[in-house]
Amino acid sequence: MAKVHIDSAKCSGHARCFAAAPGLFDLDDSGYVIGPCVDVPPGAEADAETAVESCPERALTLE
């Protein structure tokens, strides 16, 4: 199963990942992604890749 890893030190809370793949990410009240990583369910890999590419800080990596 693919995973998206989140570097919380780089995240600035733009929530572009959530806009690209709202079913994958949970945000706190300030717009920051919650958790060190997110499991990507089968069939959602393209959404995860779009979310990773949309992060201006490159705080997300897909493995």
Protein backbone atom coordinates (compact mmCIF):
# COMPACT_ATOMS: atom_id res chain seq x y z
CA MET A 1 0.00 0.00 0.00
CA ALA A 2 1.27 3.47 -0.87
CA LYS A 3 1.77 6.08 1.83
CA VAL A 4 2.06 9.85 1.87
CA HIS A 5 4.61 11.02 4.42
CA ILE A 6 4.16 14.48 5.90
CA ASP A 7 7.06 16.66 7.02
CA SER A 8 5.23 18.80 9.56
CA ALA A 9 8.21 21.15 9.87
CA LYS A 10 7.75 22.15 6.21
CA CYS A 11 3.94 22.32 6.18
CA SER A 12 2.60 25.89 6.12
CA GLY A 13 -1.10 25.04 6.29
CA HIS A 14 -2.12 25.98 2.74
CA ALA A 15 -4.36 22.87 2.64
CA ARG A 16 -3.75 22.34 -1.08
CA CYS A 17 -3.29 18.64 -0.40
CA PHE A 18 -6.74 18.52 1.15
CA ALA A 19 -8.22 20.39 -1.82
CA ALA A 20 -6.63 17.88 -4.20
CA ALA A 21 -7.54 14.76 -2.20
CA PRO A 22 -10.02 15.52 0.60
CA GLY A 23 -10.63 11.85 1.29
CA LEU A 24 -6.99 11.24 2.17
CA PHE A 25 -6.10 14.04 4.55
CA ASP A 26 -7.36 15.33 7.87
CA LEU A 27 -6.61 18.93 8.82
CA ASP A 28 -6.47 20.69 12.14
CA ASP A 29 -8.34 23.96 12.72
CA SER A 30 -5.44 25.95 11.24
CA GLY A 31 -5.27 23.95 8.00
CA TYR A 32 -2.26 21.78 8.86
CA VAL A 33 -2.26 18.09 7.94
CA ILE A 34 -2.70 15.79 10.92
CA GLY A 35 -0.37 12.82 11.25
CA PRO A 36 3.09 11.77 10.16
CA CYS A 37 1.76 9.69 7.26
CA VAL A 38 -1.42 8.74 5.43
CA ASP A 39 -2.23 5.34 3.95
CA VAL A 40 -3.36 5.62 0.35
CA PRO A 41 -6.13 3.15 -0.42
CA PRO A 42 -6.10 1.25 -3.73
CA GLY A 43 -7.47 3.44 -6.50
CA ALA A 44 -6.50 6.73 -4.83
CA GLU A 45 -2.88 6.82 -5.97
CA ALA A 46 -3.53 9.47 -8.64
CA ASP A 47 -5.21 11.75 -6.08
CA ALA A 48 -2.29 11.24 -3.69
CA GLU A 49 0.20 12.11 -6.43
CA THR A 50 -1.76 15.27 -7.29
CA ALA A 51 -1.80 16.24 -3.61
CA VAL A 52 1.96 15.74 -3.28
CA GLU A 53 2.60 17.81 -6.41
CA SER A 54 0.31 20.60 -5.20
CA CYS A 55 2.28 21.26 -2.00
CA PRO A 56 4.32 24.45 -2.50
CA GLU A 57 6.63 23.58 0.41
CA ARG A 58 7.22 20.00 -0.78
CA ALA A 59 6.18 18.79 2.68
CA LEU A 60 4.67 15.60 1.24
CA THR A 61 6.34 12.55 -0.27
CA LEU A 62 4.66 9.54 -1.83
CA GLU A 63 6.14 6.11 -1.26
